[in-house]
Amino acid sequence: MSVAATAVDERSILERLGTKNLLIFGVLLASILAVFFPTLEKLSQRWNSDPQYSHGYLVPFFSLFLAWSRRSTLPTSGLRLRILGFVIVGLAVGIKIAAETANFDLVEDSSLVLAIAGATLASFGWDVFKWALAPLLFLLLMVPLPDAVSKFARKPLRRLGTLAGVVLMQVMGLAAFASGNTIELANGSRVGVAEACSGLRMLMVFVALAVAMALLSERPIWERLILVVSSVPIALISNILRIVATGVLYSQVEDEGVREMAHDVFGWAMMPLGLVLLMGVSWILSHLLIVEQDRPLTVESRSARAS
């Protein structure tokens, strides 16, 4: 795309949103970030310390990219329901203060997204708010789940990974059995499925990726829903295959250095494997139904019909 074309696009966006409205949004956003700065600090600490939510830094950038990719459909800003936007911003600040006092991190973190949504409505009106709703909702994927929910979810995921891994290894002819969340092998080796190996991290990442792919897709809504739902079994399958690969290696290799290195490599391999499976589901859905397009009737086809 040429520089001239880019300039035309930028001016078009400015004309539709309005310079004054953009200034209002900038002031509101700066104020919100100042008020929610302690919340942002806690989010950053969680993203740094918990690998399960390390993708949190990327969520705002992808949300902006999602909005930019849909800029051709950006409506003109208006006055409809803008006062309600200011009310929502005030309500979000009140919720933030109350949640912070009660140490309810989930509500406090979510109120930041609510405040940004309110600022969007207050600055540009209802039509632009509806247009920006998908990128705004995507911001919720940067909000960590409460620790109690994460711990509760890890227990069945660890058990599923252990039992499914044992079954697959037995199908492959390996002597393996489950003892709690530990896989016992014939050579005396033990493969422990720790909390970090529960697959919850990959589950969160793949759900975020699937939602992103669905939002960028122009396929029917039911196909996009299938893509998002498929991210759950894909994450589980990827984690189970990692456990099986680790068990097979432990049954054949006793060097601790090799085992430790392979454990890390198998963990890293979960991401590309899951991406391939997710793209495979997307490819199947895109070829499952072909949208017919009307084409003008040619002279030859008319003659064929007449005969």
Protein backbone atom coordinates (compact mmCIF):
# COMPACT_ATOMS: atom_id res chain seq x y z
CA MET A 1 0.00 0.00 0.00
CA SER A 2 1.38 3.42 -0.90
CA VAL A 3 1.94 6.30 1.49
CA ALA A 4 -0.79 8.28 -0.19
CA ALA A 5 -3.29 5.49 0.30
CA THR A 6 -2.33 5.21 3.96
CA ALA A 7 -2.82 8.95 4.46
CA VAL A 8 -6.28 8.76 2.89
CA ASP A 9 -7.22 5.92 5.24
CA GLU A 10 -6.00 7.85 8.28
CA ARG A 11 -7.87 11.00 7.30
CA SER A 12 -10.99 8.97 6.70
CA ILE A 13 -10.78 7.52 10.20
CA LEU A 14 -10.22 10.97 11.69
CA GLU A 15 -13.20 12.31 9.82
CA ARG A 16 -15.46 9.51 11.01
CA LEU A 17 -14.38 9.67 14.64
CA GLY A 18 -13.75 13.40 14.89
CA THR A 19 -10.67 15.12 16.33
CA LYS A 20 -12.60 16.48 19.31
CA ASN A 21 -13.97 13.03 20.14
CA LEU A 22 -10.50 11.50 19.91
CA LEU A 23 -9.21 14.12 22.35
CA ILE A 24 -12.05 13.32 24.74
CA PHE A 25 -11.23 9.62 24.48
CA GLY A 26 -7.53 10.33 25.08
CA VAL A 27 -8.28 12.33 28.23
CA LEU A 28 -10.68 9.68 29.53
CA LEU A 29 -8.25 6.84 28.76
CA ALA A 30 -5.35 8.65 30.45
CA SER A 31 -7.52 9.28 33.51
CA ILE A 32 -8.64 5.66 33.62
CA LEU A 33 -5.05 4.38 33.37
CA ALA A 34 -4.04 6.74 36.19
CA VAL A 35 -6.88 5.59 38.46
CA PHE A 36 -6.31 1.92 37.59
CA PHE A 37 -2.51 2.08 37.77
CA PRO A 38 -2.34 -0.14 40.92
CA THR A 39 -4.58 -2.65 39.12
CA LEU A 40 -2.27 -2.60 36.09
CA GLU A 41 0.71 -3.19 38.38
CA LYS A 42 -0.94 -6.26 39.89
CA LEU A 43 -1.86 -7.54 36.44
CA SER A 44 1.71 -7.10 35.26
CA GLN A 45 3.06 -8.97 38.29
CA ARG A 46 0.63 -11.84 37.61
CA TRP A 47 1.59 -11.98 33.93
CA ASN A 48 5.28 -12.09 34.89
CA SER A 49 4.99 -14.68 37.66
CA ASP A 50 2.33 -17.00 36.25
CA PRO A 51 3.16 -18.63 32.86
CA GLN A 52 -0.52 -19.46 32.53
CA TYR A 53 -1.20 -15.78 31.83
CA SER A 54 2.03 -14.71 30.13
CA HIS A 55 -0.04 -13.95 27.02
CA GLY A 56 -1.70 -11.08 28.92
CA TYR A 57 0.77 -8.56 27.51
CA LEU A 58 -0.27 -9.45 23.95
CA VAL A 59 -4.02 -9.12 24.48
CA PRO A 60 -4.26 -5.29 24.29
CA PHE A 61 -2.09 -5.21 21.16
CA PHE A 62 -4.19 -7.83 19.43
CA SER A 63 -7.34 -5.99 20.45
CA LEU A 64 -5.96 -2.88 18.69
CA PHE A 65 -5.02 -4.99 15.67
CA LEU A 66 -8.51 -6.44 15.57
CA ALA A 67 -10.02 -2.95 15.56
CA TRP A 68 -7.57 -1.80 12.88
CA SER A 69 -8.37 -4.79 10.67
CA ARG A 70 -12.05 -3.77 10.75
CA ARG A 71 -11.43 -0.07 10.10
CA SER A 72 -13.21 -0.18 6.72
CA THR A 73 -16.51 -0.76 8.55
CA LEU A 74 -15.93 1.97 11.15
CA PRO A 75 -19.13 4.03 11.49
CA THR A 76 -19.36 7.75 12.10
CA SER A 77 -19.39 8.84 15.73
CA GLY A 78 -22.64 10.24 17.10
CA LEU A 79 -24.28 11.57 20.24
CA ARG A 80 -26.50 8.57 21.02
CA LEU A 81 -26.07 7.23 24.60
CA ARG A 82 -22.82 9.13 25.17
CA ILE A 83 -23.99 10.28 28.61
CA LEU A 84 -24.47 6.63 29.52
CA GLY A 85 -20.78 6.11 28.73
CA PHE A 86 -19.75 8.61 31.39
CA VAL A 87 -22.06 6.85 33.85
CA ILE A 88 -20.40 3.51 33.03
CA VAL A 89 -16.94 4.99 33.59
CA GLY A 90 -17.99 6.28 37.01
CA LEU A 91 -19.62 2.95 37.84
CA ALA A 92 -16.45 1.08 36.83
CA VAL A 93 -14.34 3.26 39.13
CA GLY A 94 -16.76 2.60 41.98
CA ILE A 95 -16.64 -1.15 41.33
CA LYS A 96 -12.86 -1.00 41.24
CA ILE A 97 -12.65 0.71 44.62
CA ALA A 98 -15.12 -1.71 46.22
CA ALA A 99 -13.44 -4.78 44.73
CA GLU A 100 -10.00 -3.55 45.76
CA THR A 101 -11.23 -3.10 49.32
CA ALA A 102 -12.71 -6.61 49.31
CA ASN A 103 -9.60 -8.12 47.63
CA PHE A 104 -11.73 -9.43 44.77
CA ASP A 105 -9.13 -9.29 41.99
CA LEU A 106 -11.34 -10.73 39.24
CA VAL A 107 -13.94 -7.97 39.61
CA GLU A 108 -11.29 -5.29 40.03
CA ASP A 109 -9.43 -6.38 36.87
CA SER A 110 -12.65 -6.69 34.87
CA SER A 111 -13.74 -3.19 35.92
CA LEU A 112 -10.76 -1.83 33.97
CA VAL A 113 -12.22 -3.26 30.77
CA LEU A 114 -15.64 -1.89 31.75
CA ALA A 115 -14.13 1.58 32.20
CA ILE A 116 -12.46 1.47 28.77
CA ALA A 117 -15.76 0.36 27.23
CA GLY A 118 -17.53 3.25 28.94
CA ALA A 119 -14.91 5.69 27.66
CA THR A 120 -15.49 4.41 24.13
CA LEU A 121 -19.23 4.94 24.41
CA ALA A 122 -18.80 8.38 26.04
CA SER A 123 -16.39 9.57 23.35
CA PHE A 124 -17.88 8.20 20.12
CA GLY A 125 -21.47 7.16 20.74
CA TRP A 126 -23.45 3.96 20.37
CA ASP A 127 -22.63 3.05 16.75
CA VAL A 128 -18.87 3.14 17.26
CA PHE A 129 -19.28 1.33 20.59
CA LYS A 130 -21.13 -1.53 18.87
CA TRP A 131 -18.40 -1.66 16.21
CA ALA A 132 -15.70 -1.85 18.90
CA LEU A 133 -17.51 -4.37 21.11
CA ALA A 134 -15.56 -7.42 19.89
CA PRO A 135 -12.11 -5.88 20.53
CA LEU A 136 -13.33 -4.62 23.91
CA LEU A 137 -14.59 -8.05 24.96
CA PHE A 138 -11.31 -9.61 23.83
CA LEU A 139 -9.58 -7.53 26.51
CA LEU A 140 -11.21 -9.75 29.14
CA LEU A 141 -8.82 -12.55 28.11
CA MET A 142 -5.99 -10.69 29.86
CA VAL A 143 -7.83 -10.95 33.20
CA PRO A 144 -6.50 -13.87 35.31
CA LEU A 145 -8.88 -16.30 36.94
CA PRO A 146 -8.97 -16.39 40.76
CA ASP A 147 -6.41 -18.73 42.30
CA ALA A 148 -9.17 -20.86 43.79
CA VAL A 149 -10.68 -21.41 40.33
CA SER A 150 -7.28 -22.25 38.83
CA LYS A 151 -6.50 -24.76 41.58
CA PHE A 152 -9.95 -26.31 41.24
CA ALA A 153 -9.52 -26.65 37.45
CA ARG A 154 -6.03 -28.14 37.70
CA LYS A 155 -7.16 -31.17 39.74
CA PRO A 156 -9.39 -32.83 37.11
CA LEU A 157 -7.00 -31.78 34.33
CA ARG A 158 -4.08 -33.47 36.11
CA ARG A 159 -6.15 -36.60 36.67
CA LEU A 160 -7.31 -36.68 33.05
CA GLY A 161 -3.74 -36.26 31.79
CA THR A 162 -2.49 -39.04 34.06
CA LEU A 163 -5.18 -41.60 33.18
CA ALA A 164 -5.23 -40.82 29.45
CA GLY A 165 -1.43 -40.95 29.33
CA VAL A 166 -1.41 -44.36 31.04
CA VAL A 167 -4.02 -45.74 28.63
CA LEU A 168 -2.10 -44.55 25.55
CA MET A 169 1.18 -45.93 26.87
CA GLN A 170 -0.47 -49.28 27.57
CA VAL A 171 -1.89 -49.31 24.04
CA MET A 172 1.67 -48.74 22.79
CA GLY A 173 2.80 -51.82 24.74
CA LEU A 174 4.46 -50.06 27.66
CA ALA A 175 3.94 -51.31 31.21
CA ALA A 176 2.52 -48.28 33.00
CA PHE A 177 -0.04 -47.65 35.69
CA ALA A 178 -1.32 -44.64 37.59
CA SER A 179 -0.62 -44.02 41.25
CA GLY A 180 -2.48 -40.85 42.08
CA ASN A 181 -1.14 -38.24 39.65
CA THR A 182 2.08 -40.18 39.09
CA ILE A 183 2.72 -42.67 36.28
CA GLU A 184 4.74 -45.72 37.37
CA LEU A 185 6.85 -47.37 34.64
CA ALA A 186 8.26 -50.90 34.43
CA ASN A 187 11.88 -49.75 34.84
CA GLY A 188 11.03 -48.07 38.14
CA SER A 189 10.83 -44.56 36.70
CA ARG A 190 8.08 -42.23 37.84
CA VAL A 191 6.48 -39.51 35.71
CA GLY A 192 4.74 -37.01 37.95
CA VAL A 193 1.97 -34.90 36.45
CA ALA A 194 2.50 -31.75 38.52
CA GLU A 195 0.18 -28.75 38.67
CA ALA A 196 2.35 -26.99 36.10
CA CYS A 197 1.78 -29.96 33.76
CA SER A 198 -2.01 -29.94 34.12
CA GLY A 199 -2.45 -28.26 30.73
CA LEU A 200 -4.41 -25.30 32.14
CA ARG A 201 -1.85 -22.85 30.78
CA MET A 202 -2.17 -24.18 27.24
CA LEU A 203 -5.92 -24.27 27.64
CA MET A 204 -6.02 -20.55 28.40
CA VAL A 205 -3.61 -19.73 25.56
CA PHE A 206 -5.47 -21.81 22.98
CA VAL A 207 -8.84 -20.38 23.98
CA ALA A 208 -7.40 -16.88 23.48
CA LEU A 209 -5.95 -17.87 20.09
CA ALA A 210 -9.19 -19.50 18.98
CA VAL A 211 -11.23 -16.46 19.99
CA ALA A 212 -8.80 -14.26 18.05
CA MET A 213 -9.07 -16.46 14.95
CA ALA A 214 -12.85 -16.51 15.24
CA LEU A 215 -13.07 -12.72 15.52
CA LEU A 216 -10.87 -12.27 12.46
CA SER A 217 -12.79 -14.85 10.44
CA GLU A 218 -15.68 -13.97 8.15
CA ARG A 219 -17.21 -17.45 8.37
CA PRO A 220 -20.73 -17.99 9.79
CA ILE A 221 -21.13 -17.62 13.54
CA TRP A 222 -21.68 -21.35 14.12
CA GLU A 223 -18.35 -22.20 12.47
CA ARG A 224 -16.57 -19.64 14.65
CA LEU A 225 -18.19 -21.10 17.75
CA ILE A 226 -16.99 -24.57 16.76
CA LEU A 227 -13.47 -23.19 16.33
CA VAL A 228 -13.52 -21.68 19.83
CA VAL A 229 -15.00 -24.82 21.44
CA SER A 230 -12.45 -27.04 19.64
CA SER A 231 -9.61 -25.21 21.41
CA VAL A 232 -10.48 -27.05 24.64
CA PRO A 233 -9.99 -30.65 23.40
CA ILE A 234 -6.99 -29.50 21.32
CA ALA A 235 -5.27 -28.17 24.44
CA LEU A 236 -6.09 -31.36 26.35
CA ILE A 237 -4.85 -33.60 23.52
CA SER A 238 -1.61 -31.62 23.22
CA ASN A 239 -0.95 -31.97 26.94
CA ILE A 240 -1.75 -35.70 26.96
CA LEU A 241 0.63 -36.30 24.04
CA ARG A 242 3.34 -34.43 25.96
CA ILE A 243 2.81 -36.69 28.97
CA VAL A 244 2.94 -39.80 26.76
CA ALA A 245 6.11 -38.62 25.02
CA THR A 246 7.71 -37.98 28.41
CA GLY A 247 6.68 -41.43 29.63
CA VAL A 248 8.09 -43.16 26.54
CA LEU A 249 11.38 -41.29 26.93
CA TYR A 250 11.61 -42.13 30.65
CA SER A 251 11.07 -45.80 29.83
CA GLN A 252 14.01 -45.81 27.41
CA VAL A 253 16.46 -43.23 28.81
CA GLU A 254 17.74 -43.01 32.38
CA ASP A 255 20.09 -40.04 32.03
CA GLU A 256 18.61 -37.24 34.18
CA GLY A 257 20.11 -34.48 32.03
CA VAL A 258 18.49 -35.85 28.90
CA ARG A 259 15.21 -36.34 30.71
CA GLU A 260 15.15 -32.79 32.01
CA MET A 261 15.99 -31.33 28.59
CA ALA A 262 13.40 -33.50 26.84
CA HIS A 263 10.75 -32.51 29.39
CA ASP A 264 11.29 -28.85 28.53
CA VAL A 265 11.37 -29.53 24.78
CA PHE A 266 8.10 -31.47 24.94
CA GLY A 267 6.56 -28.58 26.85
CA TRP A 268 7.61 -26.10 24.17
CA ALA A 269 6.36 -28.42 21.43
CA MET A 270 2.81 -28.23 22.79
CA MET A 271 2.31 -24.77 21.28
CA PRO A 272 3.18 -25.58 17.62
CA LEU A 273 1.33 -28.90 17.87
CA GLY A 274 -1.80 -27.21 19.17
CA LEU A 275 -1.53 -24.47 16.54
CA VAL A 276 -1.35 -27.08 13.78
CA LEU A 277 -4.44 -28.83 15.16
CA LEU A 278 -6.28 -25.52 15.53
CA MET A 279 -5.42 -24.51 11.97
CA GLY A 280 -6.51 -27.96 10.83
CA VAL A 281 -9.94 -27.43 12.39
CA SER A 282 -10.12 -24.00 10.73
CA TRP A 283 -9.20 -25.54 7.36
CA ILE A 284 -11.84 -28.27 7.70
CA LEU A 285 -14.51 -25.72 8.58
CA SER A 286 -13.55 -23.48 5.65
CA HIS A 287 -13.90 -26.43 3.25
CA LEU A 288 -16.91 -28.04 4.89
CA LEU A 289 -19.41 -25.78 3.17
CA ILE A 290 -18.70 -23.78 0.02
CA VAL A 291 -20.63 -20.57 -0.39
CA GLU A 292 -22.20 -20.44 -3.84
CA GLN A 293 -21.89 -17.26 -5.83
CA ASP A 294 -24.32 -16.15 -8.48
CA ARG A 295 -22.72 -15.80 -11.89
CA PRO A 296 -24.25 -14.29 -15.01
CA LEU A 297 -25.70 -16.75 -17.49
CA THR A 298 -23.49 -16.98 -20.56
CA VAL A 299 -24.65 -17.46 -24.15
CA GLU A 300 -23.31 -21.02 -24.23
CA SER A 301 -25.17 -21.98 -21.03
CA ARG A 302 -28.36 -20.45 -22.42
CA SER A 303 -28.01 -22.53 -25.59
CA ALA A 304 -27.40 -25.64 -23.53
CA ARG A 305 -30.53 -24.98 -21.50
CA ALA A 306 -32.56 -24.35 -24.67
CA SER A 307 -31.42 -27.61 -26.20
